[in-house]
Amino acid sequence: MVHLVRTTEVWKRLLELGVTEESKLDFDFQFSAKKKDAVEALKSELADYPLRVDREGFIKKSYIISGNSGPITWSEEQLLKWVDYLISVGRDAGCEFEGCGASAP
């Protein structure tokens, strides 16, 4: 629920900066994972998105998975549904959704 509240705040701020529902925005998103198989499961589910995986740690490994939506038009409702989808996919894969954001044009 916290991510959905934050997403609503991000949307409001983007509107203040001049974004409209006709603006094309490229939303970045990020997940974290502790296991490589969780990373692979997430990559499989989000195969339509360009993803980058960074490994951290030597003994106790963790992974950061980053991606973006590509430039598309959004409404607040679409954005909230998309974030809810990302949260669900991450949870099912064993990854933690860390958040998303975009830069105003």
PDB file of N, CA and C in Angstrom:
ATOM      1  N   MET A   1       0.823  -1.192   0.000  1.00  0.00           N
ATOM      2  CA  MET A   1       0.000   0.000   0.000  1.00  0.00           C
ATOM      3  C   MET A   1       0.871   1.261   0.000  1.00  0.00           C
ATOM      4  N   VAL A   2       2.010   1.185   0.655  1.00  0.00           N
ATOM      5  CA  VAL A   2       2.908   2.339   0.745  1.00  0.00           C
ATOM      6  C   VAL A   2       3.344   2.785  -0.648  1.00  0.00           C
ATOM      7  N   HIS A   3       3.656   1.826  -1.519  1.00  0.00           N
ATOM      8  CA  HIS A   3       4.106   2.181  -2.866  1.00  0.00           C
ATOM      9  C   HIS A   3       2.993   2.833  -3.678  1.00  0.00           C
ATOM     10  N   LEU A   4       1.754   2.431  -3.454  1.00  0.00           N
ATOM     11  CA  LEU A   4       0.643   3.045  -4.179  1.00  0.00           C
ATOM     12  C   LEU A   4       0.421   4.481  -3.717  1.00  0.00           C
ATOM     13  N   VAL A   5       0.578   4.722  -2.431  1.00  0.00           N
ATOM     14  CA  VAL A   5       0.464   6.091  -1.903  1.00  0.00           C
ATOM     15  C   VAL A   5       1.594   6.951  -2.473  1.00  0.00           C
ATOM     16  N   ARG A   6       2.809   6.418  -2.479  1.00  0.00           N
ATOM     17  CA  ARG A   6       3.941   7.164  -3.044  1.00  0.00           C
ATOM     18  C   ARG A   6       3.729   7.448  -4.525  1.00  0.00           C
ATOM     19  N   THR A   7       3.183   6.479  -5.239  1.00  0.00           N
ATOM     20  CA  THR A   7       2.945   6.659  -6.665  1.00  0.00           C
ATOM     21  C   THR A   7       1.932   7.775  -6.905  1.00  0.00           C
ATOM     22  N   THR A   8       0.912   7.847  -6.083  1.00  0.00           N
ATOM     23  CA  THR A   8      -0.065   8.937  -6.187  1.00  0.00           C
ATOM     24  C   THR A   8       0.625  10.277  -5.952  1.00  0.00           C
ATOM     25  N   GLU A   9       1.527  10.332  -4.984  1.00  0.00           N
ATOM     26  CA  GLU A   9       2.274  11.566  -4.715  1.00  0.00           C
ATOM     27  C   GLU A   9       3.189  11.928  -5.884  1.00  0.00           C
ATOM     28  N   VAL A  10       3.841  10.935  -6.463  1.00  0.00           N
ATOM     29  CA  VAL A  10       4.696  11.175  -7.634  1.00  0.00           C
ATOM     30  C   VAL A  10       3.851  11.721  -8.775  1.00  0.00           C
ATOM     31  N   TRP A  11       2.690  11.130  -9.011  1.00  0.00           N
ATOM     32  CA  TRP A  11       1.815  11.581 -10.088  1.00  0.00           C
ATOM     33  C   TRP A  11       1.400  13.038  -9.872  1.00  0.00           C
ATOM     34  N   LYS A  12       1.003  13.373  -8.646  1.00  0.00           N
ATOM     35  CA  LYS A  12       0.607  14.756  -8.344  1.00  0.00           C
ATOM     36  C   LYS A  12       1.757  15.724  -8.609  1.00  0.00           C
ATOM     37  N   ARG A  13       2.951  15.324  -8.230  1.00  0.00           N
ATOM     38  CA  ARG A  13       4.129  16.194  -8.453  1.00  0.00           C
ATOM     39  C   ARG A  13       4.415  16.352  -9.942  1.00  0.00           C
ATOM     40  N   LEU A  14       4.286  15.275 -10.696  1.00  0.00           N
ATOM     41  CA  LEU A  14       4.490  15.357 -12.146  1.00  0.00           C
ATOM     42  C   LEU A  14       3.474  16.305 -12.787  1.00  0.00           C
ATOM     43  N   LEU A  15       2.230  16.241 -12.310  1.00  0.00           N
ATOM     44  CA  LEU A  15       1.207  17.162 -12.827  1.00  0.00           C
ATOM     45  C   LEU A  15       1.578  18.612 -12.530  1.00  0.00           C
ATOM     46  N   GLU A  16       2.091  18.845 -11.323  1.00  0.00           N
ATOM     47  CA  GLU A  16       2.536  20.198 -10.949  1.00  0.00           C
ATOM     48  C   GLU A  16       3.659  20.684 -11.863  1.00  0.00           C
ATOM     49  N   LEU A  17       4.446  19.747 -12.366  1.00  0.00           N
ATOM     50  CA  LEU A  17       5.575  20.093 -13.234  1.00  0.00           C
ATOM     51  C   LEU A  17       5.176  20.173 -14.707  1.00  0.00           C
ATOM     52  N   GLY A  18       3.875  20.030 -14.991  1.00  0.00           N
ATOM     53  CA  GLY A  18       3.400  20.214 -16.352  1.00  0.00           C
ATOM     54  C   GLY A  18       3.081  18.964 -17.131  1.00  0.00           C
ATOM     55  N   VAL A  19       3.193  17.805 -16.518  1.00  0.00           N
ATOM     56  CA  VAL A  19       2.846  16.557 -17.205  1.00  0.00           C
ATOM     57  C   VAL A  19       1.334  16.486 -17.375  1.00  0.00           C
ATOM     58  N   THR A  20       0.912  15.982 -18.522  1.00  0.00           N
ATOM     59  CA  THR A  20      -0.507  15.736 -18.783  1.00  0.00           C
ATOM     60  C   THR A  20      -0.673  14.266 -19.154  1.00  0.00           C
ATOM     61  N   GLU A  21      -1.908  13.836 -19.325  1.00  0.00           N
ATOM     62  CA  GLU A  21      -2.155  12.451 -19.732  1.00  0.00           C
ATOM     63  C   GLU A  21      -1.723  12.211 -21.178  1.00  0.00           C
ATOM     64  N   GLU A  22      -1.344  13.257 -21.889  1.00  0.00           N
ATOM     65  CA  GLU A  22      -0.813  13.111 -23.248  1.00  0.00           C
ATOM     66  C   GLU A  22       0.713  13.063 -23.264  1.00  0.00           C
ATOM     67  N   SER A  23       1.335  13.360 -22.123  1.00  0.00           N
ATOM     68  CA  SER A  23       2.796  13.335 -22.031  1.00  0.00           C
ATOM     69  C   SER A  23       3.294  11.897 -22.050  1.00  0.00           C
ATOM     70  N   LYS A  24       4.371  11.671 -22.777  1.00  0.00           N
ATOM     71  CA  LYS A  24       4.993  10.350 -22.773  1.00  0.00           C
ATOM     72  C   LYS A  24       6.049  10.329 -21.666  1.00  0.00           C
ATOM     73  N   LEU A  25       5.875   9.405 -20.730  1.00  0.00           N
ATOM     74  CA  LEU A  25       6.790   9.277 -19.604  1.00  0.00           C
ATOM     75  C   LEU A  25       7.431   7.897 -19.620  1.00  0.00           C
ATOM     76  N   ASP A  26       8.669   7.847 -19.252  1.00  0.00           N
ATOM     77  CA  ASP A  26       9.420   6.606 -19.150  1.00  0.00           C
ATOM     78  C   ASP A  26       9.660   6.344 -17.662  1.00  0.00           C
ATOM     79  N   PHE A  27       8.862   5.471 -17.078  1.00  0.00           N
ATOM     80  CA  PHE A  27       8.990   5.172 -15.660  1.00  0.00           C
ATOM     81  C   PHE A  27      10.060   4.127 -15.414  1.00  0.00           C
ATOM     82  N   ASP A  28      10.978   4.451 -14.509  1.00  0.00           N
ATOM     83  CA  ASP A  28      11.992   3.507 -14.045  1.00  0.00           C
ATOM     84  C   ASP A  28      11.411   2.748 -12.855  1.00  0.00           C
ATOM     85  N   PHE A  29      11.823   1.504 -12.692  1.00  0.00           N
ATOM     86  CA  PHE A  29      11.398   0.734 -11.530  1.00  0.00           C
ATOM     87  C   PHE A  29      12.560  -0.113 -11.040  1.00  0.00           C
ATOM     88  N   GLN A  30      12.450  -0.555  -9.778  1.00  0.00           N
ATOM     89  CA  GLN A  30      13.542  -1.326  -9.195  1.00  0.00           C
ATOM     90  C   GLN A  30      13.014  -2.357  -8.209  1.00  0.00           C
ATOM     91  N   PHE A  31      13.677  -3.516  -8.212  1.00  0.00           N
ATOM     92  CA  PHE A  31      13.400  -4.599  -7.275  1.00  0.00           C
ATOM     93  C   PHE A  31      14.706  -5.004  -6.608  1.00  0.00           C
ATOM     94  N   SER A  32      14.596  -5.690  -5.478  1.00  0.00           N
ATOM     95  CA  SER A  32      15.755  -6.329  -4.867  1.00  0.00           C
ATOM     96  C   SER A  32      15.407  -7.799  -4.636  1.00  0.00           C
ATOM     97  N   ALA A  33      16.438  -8.622  -4.619  1.00  0.00           N
ATOM     98  CA  ALA A  33      16.251 -10.056  -4.392  1.00  0.00           C
ATOM     99  C   ALA A  33      17.474 -10.609  -3.691  1.00  0.00           C
ATOM    100  N   LYS A  34      17.264 -11.695  -2.964  1.00  0.00           N
ATOM    101  CA  LYS A  34      18.367 -12.345  -2.268  1.00  0.00           C
ATOM    102  C   LYS A  34      18.821 -13.610  -2.973  1.00  0.00           C
ATOM    103  N   LYS A  35      18.000 -14.114  -3.898  1.00  0.00           N
ATOM    104  CA  LYS A  35      18.332 -15.367  -4.570  1.00  0.00           C
ATOM    105  C   LYS A  35      18.311 -15.203  -6.077  1.00  0.00           C
ATOM    106  N   LYS A  36      19.237 -15.861  -6.717  1.00  0.00           N
ATOM    107  CA  LYS A  36      19.357 -15.801  -8.180  1.00  0.00           C
ATOM    108  C   LYS A  36      18.109 -16.366  -8.862  1.00  0.00           C
ATOM    109  N   ASP A  37      17.501 -17.421  -8.297  1.00  0.00           N
ATOM    110  CA  ASP A  37      16.309 -17.980  -8.930  1.00  0.00           C
ATOM    111  C   ASP A  37      15.134 -17.004  -8.885  1.00  0.00           C
ATOM    112  N   ALA A  38      15.079 -16.142  -7.871  1.00  0.00           N
ATOM    113  CA  ALA A  38      14.050 -15.100  -7.814  1.00  0.00           C
ATOM    114  C   ALA A  38      14.274 -14.083  -8.931  1.00  0.00           C
ATOM    115  N   VAL A  39      15.532 -13.757  -9.181  1.00  0.00           N
ATOM    116  CA  VAL A  39      15.877 -12.837 -10.272  1.00  0.00           C
ATOM    117  C   VAL A  39      15.435 -13.430 -11.602  1.00  0.00           C
ATOM    118  N   GLU A  40      15.724 -14.699 -11.805  1.00  0.00           N
ATOM    119  CA  GLU A  40      15.351 -15.363 -13.062  1.00  0.00           C
ATOM    120  C   GLU A  40      13.835 -15.413 -13.233  1.00  0.00           C
ATOM    121  N   ALA A  41      13.109 -15.683 -12.153  1.00  0.00           N
ATOM    122  CA  ALA A  41      11.645 -15.707 -12.215  1.00  0.00           C
ATOM    123  C   ALA A  41      11.095 -14.329 -12.578  1.00  0.00           C
ATOM    124  N   LEU A  42      11.661 -13.293 -11.986  1.00  0.00           N
ATOM    125  CA  LEU A  42      11.223 -11.931 -12.291  1.00  0.00           C
ATOM    126  C   LEU A  42      11.533 -11.573 -13.736  1.00  0.00           C
ATOM    127  N   LYS A  43      12.738 -11.916 -14.189  1.00  0.00           N
ATOM    128  CA  LYS A  43      13.107 -11.643 -15.580  1.00  0.00           C
ATOM    129  C   LYS A  43      12.150 -12.332 -16.546  1.00  0.00           C
ATOM    130  N   SER A  44      11.728 -13.528 -16.211  1.00  0.00           N
ATOM    131  CA  SER A  44      10.788 -14.259 -17.061  1.00  0.00           C
ATOM    132  C   SER A  44       9.434 -13.546 -17.117  1.00  0.00           C
ATOM    133  N   GLU A  45       8.965 -13.089 -15.976  1.00  0.00           N
ATOM    134  CA  GLU A  45       7.662 -12.410 -15.910  1.00  0.00           C
ATOM    135  C   GLU A  45       7.680 -11.030 -16.569  1.00  0.00           C
ATOM    136  N   LEU A  46       8.811 -10.365 -16.517  1.00  0.00           N
ATOM    137  CA  LEU A  46       8.924  -9.006 -17.062  1.00  0.00           C
ATOM    138  C   LEU A  46       9.762  -8.989 -18.340  1.00  0.00           C
ATOM    139  N   ALA A  47       9.641 -10.038 -19.121  1.00  0.00           N
ATOM    140  CA  ALA A  47      10.454 -10.187 -20.337  1.00  0.00           C
ATOM    141  C   ALA A  47      10.216  -9.073 -21.356  1.00  0.00           C
ATOM    142  N   ASP A  48       9.084  -8.386 -21.275  1.00  0.00           N
ATOM    143  CA  ASP A  48       8.788  -7.300 -22.224  1.00  0.00           C
ATOM    144  C   ASP A  48       9.501  -5.992 -21.876  1.00  0.00           C
ATOM    145  N   TYR A  49      10.138  -5.949 -20.727  1.00  0.00           N
ATOM    146  CA  TYR A  49      10.814  -4.735 -20.279  1.00  0.00           C
ATOM    147  C   TYR A  49      12.337  -4.924 -20.330  1.00  0.00           C
ATOM    148  N   PRO A  50      13.064  -3.865 -20.675  1.00  0.00           N
ATOM    149  CA  PRO A  50      14.526  -3.962 -20.591  1.00  0.00           C
ATOM    150  C   PRO A  50      14.931  -3.961 -19.115  1.00  0.00           C
ATOM    151  N   LEU A  51      15.652  -4.993 -18.706  1.00  0.00           N
ATOM    152  CA  LEU A  51      16.055  -5.131 -17.310  1.00  0.00           C
ATOM    153  C   LEU A  51      17.572  -5.173 -17.184  1.00  0.00           C
ATOM    154  N   ARG A  52      18.050  -4.656 -16.079  1.00  0.00           N
ATOM    155  CA  ARG A  52      19.472  -4.724 -15.752  1.00  0.00           C
ATOM    156  C   ARG A  52      19.584  -5.337 -14.359  1.00  0.00           C
ATOM    157  N   VAL A  53      20.482  -6.278 -14.200  1.00  0.00           N
ATOM    158  CA  VAL A  53      20.677  -6.941 -12.914  1.00  0.00           C
ATOM    159  C   VAL A  53      22.089  -6.644 -12.414  1.00  0.00           C
ATOM    160  N   ASP A  54      22.167  -6.137 -11.198  1.00  0.00           N
ATOM    161  CA  ASP A  54      23.450  -5.886 -10.553  1.00  0.00           C
ATOM    162  C   ASP A  54      23.542  -6.752  -9.310  1.00  0.00           C
ATOM    163  N   ARG A  55      24.670  -7.409  -9.147  1.00  0.00           N
ATOM    164  CA  ARG A  55      24.897  -8.255  -7.979  1.00  0.00           C
ATOM    165  C   ARG A  55      25.739  -7.484  -6.982  1.00  0.00           C
ATOM    166  N   GLU A  56      25.375  -7.621  -5.715  1.00  0.00           N
ATOM    167  CA  GLU A  56      26.118  -6.969  -4.643  1.00  0.00           C
ATOM    168  C   GLU A  56      26.559  -8.022  -3.646  1.00  0.00           C
ATOM    169  N   GLY A  57      27.692  -7.797  -3.030  1.00  0.00           N
ATOM    170  CA  GLY A  57      28.189  -8.700  -2.004  1.00  0.00           C
ATOM    171  C   GLY A  57      28.956  -9.879  -2.576  1.00  0.00           C
ATOM    172  N   PHE A  58      29.825 -10.429  -1.770  1.00  0.00           N
ATOM    173  CA  PHE A  58      30.641 -11.566  -2.194  1.00  0.00           C
ATOM    174  C   PHE A  58      30.156 -12.849  -1.519  1.00  0.00           C
ATOM    175  N   ILE A  59      30.071 -12.813  -0.211  1.00  0.00           N
ATOM    176  CA  ILE A  59      29.623 -13.984   0.541  1.00  0.00           C
ATOM    177  C   ILE A  59      28.096 -14.009   0.593  1.00  0.00           C
ATOM    178  N   LYS A  60      27.516 -12.926   1.039  1.00  0.00           N
ATOM    179  CA  LYS A  60      26.062 -12.820   1.147  1.00  0.00           C
ATOM    180  C   LYS A  60      25.574 -11.980  -0.030  1.00  0.00           C
ATOM    181  N   LYS A  61      25.234 -12.645  -1.093  1.00  0.00           N
ATOM    182  CA  LYS A  61      24.876 -11.950  -2.329  1.00  0.00           C
ATOM    183  C   LYS A  61      23.452 -11.413  -2.265  1.00  0.00           C
ATOM    184  N   SER A  62      23.271 -10.288  -2.935  1.00  0.00           N
ATOM    185  CA  SER A  62      21.937  -9.747  -3.162  1.00  0.00           C
ATOM    186  C   SER A  62      21.931  -9.163  -4.576  1.00  0.00           C
ATOM    187  N   TYR A  63      20.753  -8.937  -5.091  1.00  0.00           N
ATOM    188  CA  TYR A  63      20.606  -8.492  -6.468  1.00  0.00           C
ATOM    189  C   TYR A  63      19.688  -7.275  -6.524  1.00  0.00           C
ATOM    190  N   ILE A  64      20.023  -6.368  -7.400  1.00  0.00           N
ATOM    191  CA  ILE A  64      19.181  -5.214  -7.709  1.00  0.00           C
ATOM    192  C   ILE A  64      18.772  -5.354  -9.174  1.00  0.00           C
ATOM    193  N   ILE A  65      17.477  -5.352  -9.411  1.00  0.00           N
ATOM    194  CA  ILE A  65      16.947  -5.485 -10.765  1.00  0.00           C
ATOM    195  C   ILE A  65      16.285  -4.159 -11.129  1.00  0.00           C
ATOM    196  N   SER A  66      16.773  -3.523 -12.175  1.00  0.00           N
ATOM    197  CA  SER A  66      16.254  -2.225 -12.610  1.00  0.00           C
ATOM    198  C   SER A  66      15.704  -2.339 -14.016  1.00  0.00           C
ATOM    199  N   GLY A  67      14.682  -1.562 -14.294  1.00  0.00           N
ATOM    200  CA  GLY A  67      14.114  -1.546 -15.637  1.00  0.00           C
ATOM    201  C   GLY A  67      13.336  -0.274 -15.871  1.00  0.00           C
ATOM    202  N   ASN A  68      12.729  -0.181 -17.042  1.00  0.00           N
ATOM    203  CA  ASN A  68      11.883   0.976 -17.328  1.00  0.00           C
ATOM    204  C   ASN A  68      10.756   0.583 -18.270  1.00  0.00           C
ATOM    205  N   SER A  69       9.749   1.425 -18.274  1.00  0.00           N
ATOM    206  CA  SER A  69       8.536   1.146 -19.041  1.00  0.00           C
ATOM    207  C   SER A  69       8.685   1.482 -20.516  1.00  0.00           C
ATOM    208  N   GLY A  70       9.620   2.341 -20.842  1.00  0.00           N
ATOM    209  CA  GLY A  70       9.653   2.911 -22.184  1.00  0.00           C
ATOM    210  C   GLY A  70       8.687   4.088 -22.209  1.00  0.00           C
ATOM    211  N   PRO A  71       8.862   5.008 -23.135  1.00  0.00           N
ATOM    212  CA  PRO A  71       8.022   6.215 -23.147  1.00  0.00           C
ATOM    213  C   PRO A  71       6.597   5.917 -23.622  1.00  0.00           C
ATOM    214  N   ILE A  72       5.650   6.038 -22.707  1.00  0.00           N
ATOM    215  CA  ILE A  72       4.234   5.856 -23.035  1.00  0.00           C
ATOM    216  C   ILE A  72       3.412   6.905 -22.289  1.00  0.00           C
ATOM    217  N   THR A  73       2.171   7.072 -22.706  1.00  0.00           N
ATOM    218  CA  THR A  73       1.276   7.988 -22.014  1.00  0.00           C
ATOM    219  C   THR A  73       0.621   7.253 -20.847  1.00  0.00           C
ATOM    220  N   TRP A  74       0.365   7.979 -19.771  1.00  0.00           N
ATOM    221  CA  TRP A  74      -0.194   7.399 -18.556  1.00  0.00           C
ATOM    222  C   TRP A  74      -1.350   8.243 -18.055  1.00  0.00           C
ATOM    223  N   SER A  75      -2.260   7.602 -17.374  1.00  0.00           N
ATOM    224  CA  SER A  75      -3.204   8.292 -16.498  1.00  0.00           C
ATOM    225  C   SER A  75      -2.845   7.838 -15.087  1.00  0.00           C
ATOM    226  N   GLU A  76      -3.339   8.526 -14.101  1.00  0.00           N
ATOM    227  CA  GLU A  76      -3.035   8.108 -12.726  1.00  0.00           C
ATOM    228  C   GLU A  76      -3.553   6.691 -12.483  1.00  0.00           C
ATOM    229  N   GLU A  77      -4.736   6.397 -12.987  1.00  0.00           N
ATOM    230  CA  GLU A  77      -5.323   5.060 -12.802  1.00  0.00           C
ATOM    231  C   GLU A  77      -4.457   3.972 -13.448  1.00  0.00           C
ATOM    232  N   GLN A  78      -4.004   4.220 -14.673  1.00  0.00           N
ATOM    233  CA  GLN A  78      -3.144   3.238 -15.348  1.00  0.00           C
ATOM    234  C   GLN A  78      -1.847   3.033 -14.582  1.00  0.00           C
ATOM    235  N   LEU A  79      -1.270   4.126 -14.115  1.00  0.00           N
ATOM    236  CA  LEU A  79      -0.019   4.048 -13.378  1.00  0.00           C
ATOM    237  C   LEU A  79      -0.185   3.246 -12.097  1.00  0.00           C
ATOM    238  N   LEU A  80      -1.251   3.490 -11.361  1.00  0.00           N
ATOM    239  CA  LEU A  80      -1.491   2.749 -10.122  1.00  0.00           C
ATOM    240  C   LEU A  80      -1.701   1.258 -10.403  1.00  0.00           C
ATOM    241  N   LYS A  81      -2.411   0.928 -11.466  1.00  0.00           N
ATOM    242  CA  LYS A  81      -2.605  -0.481 -11.835  1.00  0.00           C
ATOM    243  C   LYS A  81      -1.275  -1.128 -12.204  1.00  0.00           C
ATOM    244  N   TRP A  82      -0.440  -0.397 -12.926  1.00  0.00           N
ATOM    245  CA  TRP A  82       0.854  -0.918 -13.336  1.00  0.00           C
ATOM    246  C   TRP A  82       1.747  -1.173 -12.115  1.00  0.00           C
ATOM    247  N   VAL A  83       1.776  -0.232 -11.182  1.00  0.00           N
ATOM    248  CA  VAL A  83       2.577  -0.399  -9.969  1.00  0.00           C
ATOM    249  C   VAL A  83       2.048  -1.583  -9.156  1.00  0.00           C
ATOM    250  N   ASP A  84       0.740  -1.712  -9.048  1.00  0.00           N
ATOM    251  CA  ASP A  84       0.156  -2.850  -8.346  1.00  0.00           C
ATOM    252  C   ASP A  84       0.576  -4.161  -9.018  1.00  0.00           C
ATOM    253  N   TYR A  85       0.583  -4.169 -10.337  1.00  0.00           N
ATOM    254  CA  TYR A  85       1.043  -5.332 -11.104  1.00  0.00           C
ATOM    255  C   TYR A  85       2.509  -5.640 -10.787  1.00  0.00           C
ATOM    256  N   LEU A  86       3.365  -4.624 -10.788  1.00  0.00           N
ATOM    257  CA  LEU A  86       4.785  -4.836 -10.486  1.00  0.00           C
ATOM    258  C   LEU A  86       4.976  -5.386  -9.079  1.00  0.00           C
ATOM    259  N   ILE A  87       4.239  -4.869  -8.124  1.00  0.00           N
ATOM    260  CA  ILE A  87       4.330  -5.352  -6.743  1.00  0.00           C
ATOM    261  C   ILE A  87       3.958  -6.828  -6.692  1.00  0.00           C
ATOM    262  N   SER A  88       2.873  -7.188  -7.355  1.00  0.00           N
ATOM    263  CA  SER A  88       2.393  -8.569  -7.368  1.00  0.00           C
ATOM    264  C   SER A  88       3.381  -9.513  -8.047  1.00  0.00           C
ATOM    265  N   VAL A  89       3.881  -9.110  -9.217  1.00  0.00           N
ATOM    266  CA  VAL A  89       4.850  -9.933  -9.944  1.00  0.00           C
ATOM    267  C   VAL A  89       6.119 -10.124  -9.108  1.00  0.00           C
ATOM    268  N   GLY A  90       6.576  -9.069  -8.485  1.00  0.00           N
ATOM    269  CA  GLY A  90       7.767  -9.161  -7.648  1.00  0.00           C
ATOM    270  C   GLY A  90       7.560 -10.116  -6.483  1.00  0.00           C
ATOM    271  N   ARG A  91       6.448  -9.978  -5.818  1.00  0.00           N
ATOM    272  CA  ARG A  91       6.142 -10.848  -4.677  1.00  0.00           C
ATOM    273  C   ARG A  91       6.087 -12.311  -5.125  1.00  0.00           C
ATOM    274  N   ASP A  92       5.402 -12.574  -6.243  1.00  0.00           N
ATOM    275  CA  ASP A  92       5.292 -13.947  -6.749  1.00  0.00           C
ATOM    276  C   ASP A  92       6.651 -14.531  -7.130  1.00  0.00           C
ATOM    277  N   ALA A  93       7.562 -13.700  -7.592  1.00  0.00           N
ATOM    278  CA  ALA A  93       8.892 -14.159  -8.004  1.00  0.00           C
ATOM    279  C   ALA A  93       9.851 -14.280  -6.818  1.00  0.00           C
ATOM    280  N   GLY A  94       9.476 -13.721  -5.672  1.00  0.00           N
ATOM    281  CA  GLY A  94      10.373 -13.737  -4.519  1.00  0.00           C
ATOM    282  C   GLY A  94      11.271 -12.514  -4.453  1.00  0.00           C
ATOM    283  N   CYS A  95      10.842 -11.436  -5.109  1.00  0.00           N
ATOM    284  CA  CYS A  95      11.601 -10.179  -5.128  1.00  0.00           C
ATOM    285  C   CYS A  95      10.817  -9.099  -4.392  1.00  0.00           C
ATOM    286  N   GLU A  96      11.521  -8.104  -3.928  1.00  0.00           N
ATOM    287  CA  GLU A  96      10.907  -6.975  -3.243  1.00  0.00           C
ATOM    288  C   GLU A  96      10.845  -5.775  -4.171  1.00  0.00           C
ATOM    289  N   PHE A  97       9.657  -5.239  -4.411  1.00  0.00           N
ATOM    290  CA  PHE A  97       9.515  -4.029  -5.225  1.00  0.00           C
ATOM    291  C   PHE A  97      10.033  -2.857  -4.399  1.00  0.00           C
ATOM    292  N   GLU A  98      10.975  -2.114  -4.961  1.00  0.00           N
ATOM    293  CA  GLU A  98      11.595  -0.996  -4.267  1.00  0.00           C
ATOM    294  C   GLU A  98      10.975   0.350  -4.620  1.00  0.00           C
ATOM    295  N   GLY A  99      10.322   0.435  -5.781  1.00  0.00           N
ATOM    296  CA  GLY A  99       9.688   1.675  -6.160  1.00  0.00           C
ATOM    297  C   GLY A  99       9.881   2.012  -7.625  1.00  0.00           C
ATOM    298  N   CYS A 100       9.274   3.144  -8.018  1.00  0.00           N
ATOM    299  CA  CYS A 100       9.400   3.611  -9.398  1.00  0.00           C
ATOM    300  C   CYS A 100       9.326   5.133  -9.419  1.00  0.00           C
ATOM    301  N   GLY A 101       9.716   5.689 -10.536  1.00  0.00           N
ATOM    302  CA  GLY A 101       9.677   7.135 -10.696  1.00  0.00           C
ATOM    303  C   GLY A 101       9.968   7.527 -12.116  1.00  0.00           C
ATOM    304  N   ALA A 102       9.692   8.775 -12.434  1.00  0.00           N
ATOM    305  CA  ALA A 102       9.936   9.307 -13.778  1.00  0.00           C
ATOM    306  C   ALA A 102      10.372  10.746 -13.660  1.00  0.00           C
ATOM    307  N   SER A 103      11.042  11.203 -14.689  1.00  0.00           N
ATOM    308  CA  SER A 103      11.427  12.606 -14.767  1.00  0.00           C
ATOM    309  C   SER A 103      10.403  13.352 -15.591  1.00  0.00           C
ATOM    310  N   ALA A 104      10.080  14.559 -15.186  1.00  0.00           N
ATOM    311  CA  ALA A 104       9.148  15.382 -15.956  1.00  0.00           C
ATOM    312  C   ALA A 104       9.849  15.854 -17.217  1.00  0.00           C
ATOM    313  N   PRO A 105       9.078  15.940 -18.316  1.00  0.00           N
ATOM    314  CA  PRO A 105       9.688  16.400 -19.585  1.00  0.00           C
ATOM    315  C   PRO A 105      10.110  17.858 -19.509  1.00  0.00           C
TER     316      PRO A 105
END
